[in-house]
Amino acid sequence: MKNLLEQNWKKIPQSVRKIFVFVAGWLTVVAGVAMLALPGPGWAAIFLGFAILATEFTSARQVKELFIQKFQVILAWYKKHIKKR
């Protein structure tokens, strides 16, 4: 199933793919920002939006990597300080 989806995705012209990924990614990020004030998984949606954007855009891939690094630092701090209690 994955190979079939992957093959069909590759058949779509790159310019169309980029537009689709751009719209879907930013809609997800904007929805995530809205969910920071409204009920819903805001941060998860923001991370998902950047993951979607990272499939086609190098700059979004760099932002995603930055998010991952910062999350790992926070997680390590949490494990060191909070879990001891």
N, C-alpha and C. Protein backbone atom coordinates (compact mmCIF):
# COMPACT_ATOMS: atom_id res chain seq x y z
N MET A 1 0.83 -1.20 0.00
CA MET A 1 0.00 0.00 0.00
C MET A 1 0.87 1.26 0.00
N LYS A 2 1.91 1.25 0.87
CA LYS A 2 2.78 2.43 0.94
C LYS A 2 3.46 2.67 -0.40
N ASN A 3 3.93 1.61 -1.03
CA ASN A 3 4.61 1.77 -2.31
C ASN A 3 3.68 2.34 -3.37
N LEU A 4 2.41 1.93 -3.35
CA LEU A 4 1.44 2.44 -4.31
C LEU A 4 1.22 3.94 -4.10
N LEU A 5 1.06 4.35 -2.84
CA LEU A 5 0.89 5.77 -2.55
C LEU A 5 2.14 6.56 -2.93
N GLU A 6 3.29 6.00 -2.60
CA GLU A 6 4.55 6.67 -2.92
C GLU A 6 4.74 6.82 -4.42
N GLN A 7 4.41 5.78 -5.17
CA GLN A 7 4.54 5.85 -6.63
C GLN A 7 3.62 6.90 -7.22
N ASN A 8 2.38 6.93 -6.75
CA ASN A 8 1.43 7.92 -7.27
C ASN A 8 1.81 9.33 -6.86
N TRP A 9 2.35 9.50 -5.65
CA TRP A 9 2.78 10.82 -5.19
C TRP A 9 3.91 11.33 -6.08
N LYS A 10 4.82 10.45 -6.46
CA LYS A 10 5.96 10.85 -7.30
C LYS A 10 5.51 11.21 -8.72
N LYS A 11 4.36 10.70 -9.16
CA LYS A 11 3.86 11.00 -10.50
C LYS A 11 3.27 12.41 -10.59
N ILE A 12 2.88 12.97 -9.46
CA ILE A 12 2.31 14.32 -9.45
C ILE A 12 3.44 15.30 -9.72
N PRO A 13 3.23 16.28 -10.59
CA PRO A 13 4.30 17.26 -10.86
C PRO A 13 4.76 17.94 -9.57
N GLN A 14 6.05 18.21 -9.49
CA GLN A 14 6.64 18.76 -8.28
C GLN A 14 6.00 20.09 -7.88
N SER A 15 5.68 20.93 -8.85
CA SER A 15 5.07 22.22 -8.51
C SER A 15 3.71 22.03 -7.84
N VAL A 16 2.94 21.06 -8.28
CA VAL A 16 1.63 20.78 -7.67
C VAL A 16 1.83 20.19 -6.28
N ARG A 17 2.79 19.29 -6.14
CA ARG A 17 3.09 18.70 -4.82
C ARG A 17 3.47 19.78 -3.82
N LYS A 18 4.34 20.71 -4.25
CA LYS A 18 4.80 21.77 -3.35
C LYS A 18 3.64 22.65 -2.90
N ILE A 19 2.74 22.99 -3.80
CA ILE A 19 1.58 23.81 -3.45
C ILE A 19 0.71 23.06 -2.44
N PHE A 20 0.44 21.79 -2.71
CA PHE A 20 -0.39 20.99 -1.81
C PHE A 20 0.25 20.89 -0.43
N VAL A 21 1.53 20.58 -0.38
CA VAL A 21 2.24 20.45 0.90
C VAL A 21 2.27 21.79 1.62
N PHE A 22 2.51 22.88 0.88
CA PHE A 22 2.54 24.21 1.48
C PHE A 22 1.20 24.55 2.15
N VAL A 23 0.11 24.33 1.44
CA VAL A 23 -1.21 24.66 1.97
C VAL A 23 -1.55 23.75 3.15
N ALA A 24 -1.36 22.45 2.99
CA ALA A 24 -1.70 21.50 4.07
C ALA A 24 -0.83 21.75 5.30
N GLY A 25 0.45 21.99 5.11
CA GLY A 25 1.36 22.22 6.23
C GLY A 25 1.02 23.48 7.00
N TRP A 26 0.82 24.59 6.28
CA TRP A 26 0.53 25.85 6.97
C TRP A 26 -0.85 25.87 7.60
N LEU A 27 -1.83 25.20 6.97
CA LEU A 27 -3.15 25.09 7.61
C LEU A 27 -3.04 24.34 8.94
N THR A 28 -2.22 23.31 8.96
CA THR A 28 -2.03 22.54 10.19
C THR A 28 -1.31 23.38 11.25
N VAL A 29 -0.30 24.14 10.84
CA VAL A 29 0.41 25.00 11.79
C VAL A 29 -0.53 26.06 12.34
N VAL A 30 -1.30 26.71 11.49
CA VAL A 30 -2.23 27.76 11.93
C VAL A 30 -3.29 27.16 12.86
N ALA A 31 -3.80 25.99 12.53
CA ALA A 31 -4.77 25.33 13.41
C ALA A 31 -4.12 25.03 14.76
N GLY A 32 -2.87 24.62 14.75
CA GLY A 32 -2.16 24.35 16.00
C GLY A 32 -2.00 25.60 16.84
N VAL A 33 -1.67 26.71 16.21
CA VAL A 33 -1.54 27.97 16.94
C VAL A 33 -2.89 28.35 17.55
N ALA A 34 -3.96 28.16 16.80
CA ALA A 34 -5.30 28.45 17.34
C ALA A 34 -5.60 27.54 18.52
N MET A 35 -5.16 26.29 18.44
CA MET A 35 -5.43 25.34 19.51
C MET A 35 -4.61 25.62 20.77
N LEU A 36 -3.64 26.50 20.69
CA LEU A 36 -2.94 26.88 21.92
C LEU A 36 -3.88 27.64 22.85
N ALA A 37 -4.84 28.38 22.28
CA ALA A 37 -5.82 29.11 23.08
C ALA A 37 -7.14 28.36 23.18
N LEU A 38 -7.42 27.53 22.21
CA LEU A 38 -8.66 26.76 22.17
C LEU A 38 -8.37 25.32 22.60
N PRO A 39 -9.41 24.56 22.89
CA PRO A 39 -9.17 23.15 23.23
C PRO A 39 -8.58 22.39 22.03
N GLY A 40 -7.61 21.57 22.32
CA GLY A 40 -7.00 20.76 21.27
C GLY A 40 -5.51 20.63 21.47
N PRO A 41 -4.91 19.71 20.74
CA PRO A 41 -3.46 19.46 20.85
C PRO A 41 -2.65 20.46 20.03
N GLY A 42 -2.54 21.68 20.51
CA GLY A 42 -1.89 22.74 19.76
C GLY A 42 -0.47 22.46 19.35
N TRP A 43 0.39 22.12 20.33
CA TRP A 43 1.80 21.89 19.99
C TRP A 43 1.97 20.69 19.07
N ALA A 44 1.18 19.66 19.28
CA ALA A 44 1.28 18.48 18.40
C ALA A 44 0.92 18.86 16.97
N ALA A 45 -0.10 19.69 16.80
CA ALA A 45 -0.49 20.12 15.46
C ALA A 45 0.59 20.99 14.81
N ILE A 46 1.21 21.85 15.60
CA ILE A 46 2.29 22.69 15.07
C ILE A 46 3.45 21.82 14.61
N PHE A 47 3.84 20.85 15.43
CA PHE A 47 4.93 19.94 15.04
C PHE A 47 4.56 19.14 13.80
N LEU A 48 3.31 18.67 13.75
CA LEU A 48 2.85 17.92 12.58
C LEU A 48 2.89 18.79 11.33
N GLY A 49 2.47 20.05 11.46
CA GLY A 49 2.50 20.96 10.32
C GLY A 49 3.91 21.15 9.76
N PHE A 50 4.88 21.32 10.67
CA PHE A 50 6.25 21.46 10.19
C PHE A 50 6.79 20.14 9.63
N ALA A 51 6.33 19.02 10.15
CA ALA A 51 6.74 17.74 9.57
C ALA A 51 6.19 17.60 8.15
N ILE A 52 4.96 18.04 7.94
CA ILE A 52 4.38 18.01 6.59
C ILE A 52 5.18 18.92 5.67
N LEU A 53 5.45 20.14 6.12
CA LEU A 53 6.21 21.08 5.30
C LEU A 53 7.62 20.57 5.00
N ALA A 54 8.20 19.85 5.94
CA ALA A 54 9.57 19.35 5.78
C ALA A 54 9.69 18.31 4.68
N THR A 55 8.58 17.73 4.25
CA THR A 55 8.67 16.73 3.17
C THR A 55 9.06 17.36 1.84
N GLU A 56 8.81 18.66 1.67
CA GLU A 56 9.11 19.32 0.41
C GLU A 56 10.00 20.56 0.52
N PHE A 57 10.16 21.10 1.73
CA PHE A 57 10.87 22.37 1.89
C PHE A 57 12.04 22.21 2.86
N THR A 58 13.23 22.58 2.41
CA THR A 58 14.44 22.45 3.21
C THR A 58 14.39 23.33 4.46
N SER A 59 13.89 24.54 4.34
CA SER A 59 13.84 25.43 5.50
C SER A 59 12.94 24.87 6.59
N ALA A 60 11.82 24.27 6.20
CA ALA A 60 10.93 23.64 7.18
C ALA A 60 11.60 22.43 7.81
N ARG A 61 12.41 21.73 7.05
CA ARG A 61 13.14 20.58 7.58
C ARG A 61 14.11 21.05 8.66
N GLN A 62 14.74 22.20 8.44
CA GLN A 62 15.66 22.75 9.44
C GLN A 62 14.91 23.17 10.70
N VAL A 63 13.74 23.76 10.55
CA VAL A 63 12.92 24.14 11.71
C VAL A 63 12.49 22.89 12.47
N LYS A 64 12.10 21.86 11.73
CA LYS A 64 11.70 20.60 12.37
C LYS A 64 12.85 20.02 13.18
N GLU A 65 14.05 20.04 12.61
CA GLU A 65 15.21 19.52 13.32
C GLU A 65 15.50 20.36 14.58
N LEU A 66 15.33 21.67 14.49
CA LEU A 66 15.51 22.54 15.65
C LEU A 66 14.50 22.19 16.74
N PHE A 67 13.23 21.98 16.35
CA PHE A 67 12.20 21.56 17.31
C PHE A 67 12.60 20.25 18.00
N ILE A 68 13.09 19.31 17.22
CA ILE A 68 13.47 18.01 17.78
C ILE A 68 14.62 18.17 18.77
N GLN A 69 15.63 18.97 18.41
CA GLN A 69 16.76 19.19 19.32
C GLN A 69 16.30 19.84 20.62
N LYS A 70 15.47 20.88 20.52
CA LYS A 70 14.98 21.56 21.73
C LYS A 70 14.14 20.62 22.58
N PHE A 71 13.31 19.80 21.93
CA PHE A 71 12.48 18.85 22.67
C PHE A 71 13.36 17.84 23.40
N GLN A 72 14.43 17.39 22.77
CA GLN A 72 15.32 16.43 23.42
C GLN A 72 16.01 17.07 24.63
N VAL A 73 16.39 18.34 24.53
CA VAL A 73 17.01 19.05 25.66
C VAL A 73 16.01 19.17 26.81
N ILE A 74 14.78 19.54 26.50
CA ILE A 74 13.75 19.67 27.54
C ILE A 74 13.46 18.32 28.17
N LEU A 75 13.38 17.28 27.36
CA LEU A 75 13.12 15.94 27.87
C LEU A 75 14.25 15.46 28.78
N ALA A 76 15.49 15.73 28.40
CA ALA A 76 16.64 15.35 29.24
C ALA A 76 16.61 16.10 30.56
N TRP A 77 16.28 17.41 30.52
CA TRP A 77 16.18 18.19 31.75
C TRP A 77 15.08 17.62 32.65
N TYR A 78 13.95 17.29 32.05
CA TYR A 78 12.83 16.72 32.80
C TYR A 78 13.23 15.42 33.48
N LYS A 79 13.88 14.55 32.72
CA LYS A 79 14.29 13.26 33.29
C LYS A 79 15.28 13.46 34.43
N LYS A 80 16.14 14.45 34.32
CA LYS A 80 17.16 14.68 35.32
C LYS A 80 16.59 15.33 36.59
N HIS A 81 15.69 16.30 36.44
CA HIS A 81 15.23 17.09 37.58
C HIS A 81 13.88 16.67 38.13
N ILE A 82 12.95 16.37 37.31
CA ILE A 82 11.58 16.12 37.74
C ILE A 82 11.37 14.67 38.14
N LYS A 83 11.93 13.76 37.42
CA LYS A 83 11.71 12.35 37.68
C LYS A 83 12.34 11.90 38.99
N LYS A 84 13.28 12.65 39.54
CA LYS A 84 13.92 12.27 40.79
C LYS A 84 12.95 12.33 41.96
N ARG A 85 11.93 13.15 41.86
CA ARG A 85 10.99 13.37 42.96
C ARG A 85 10.13 12.18 43.20
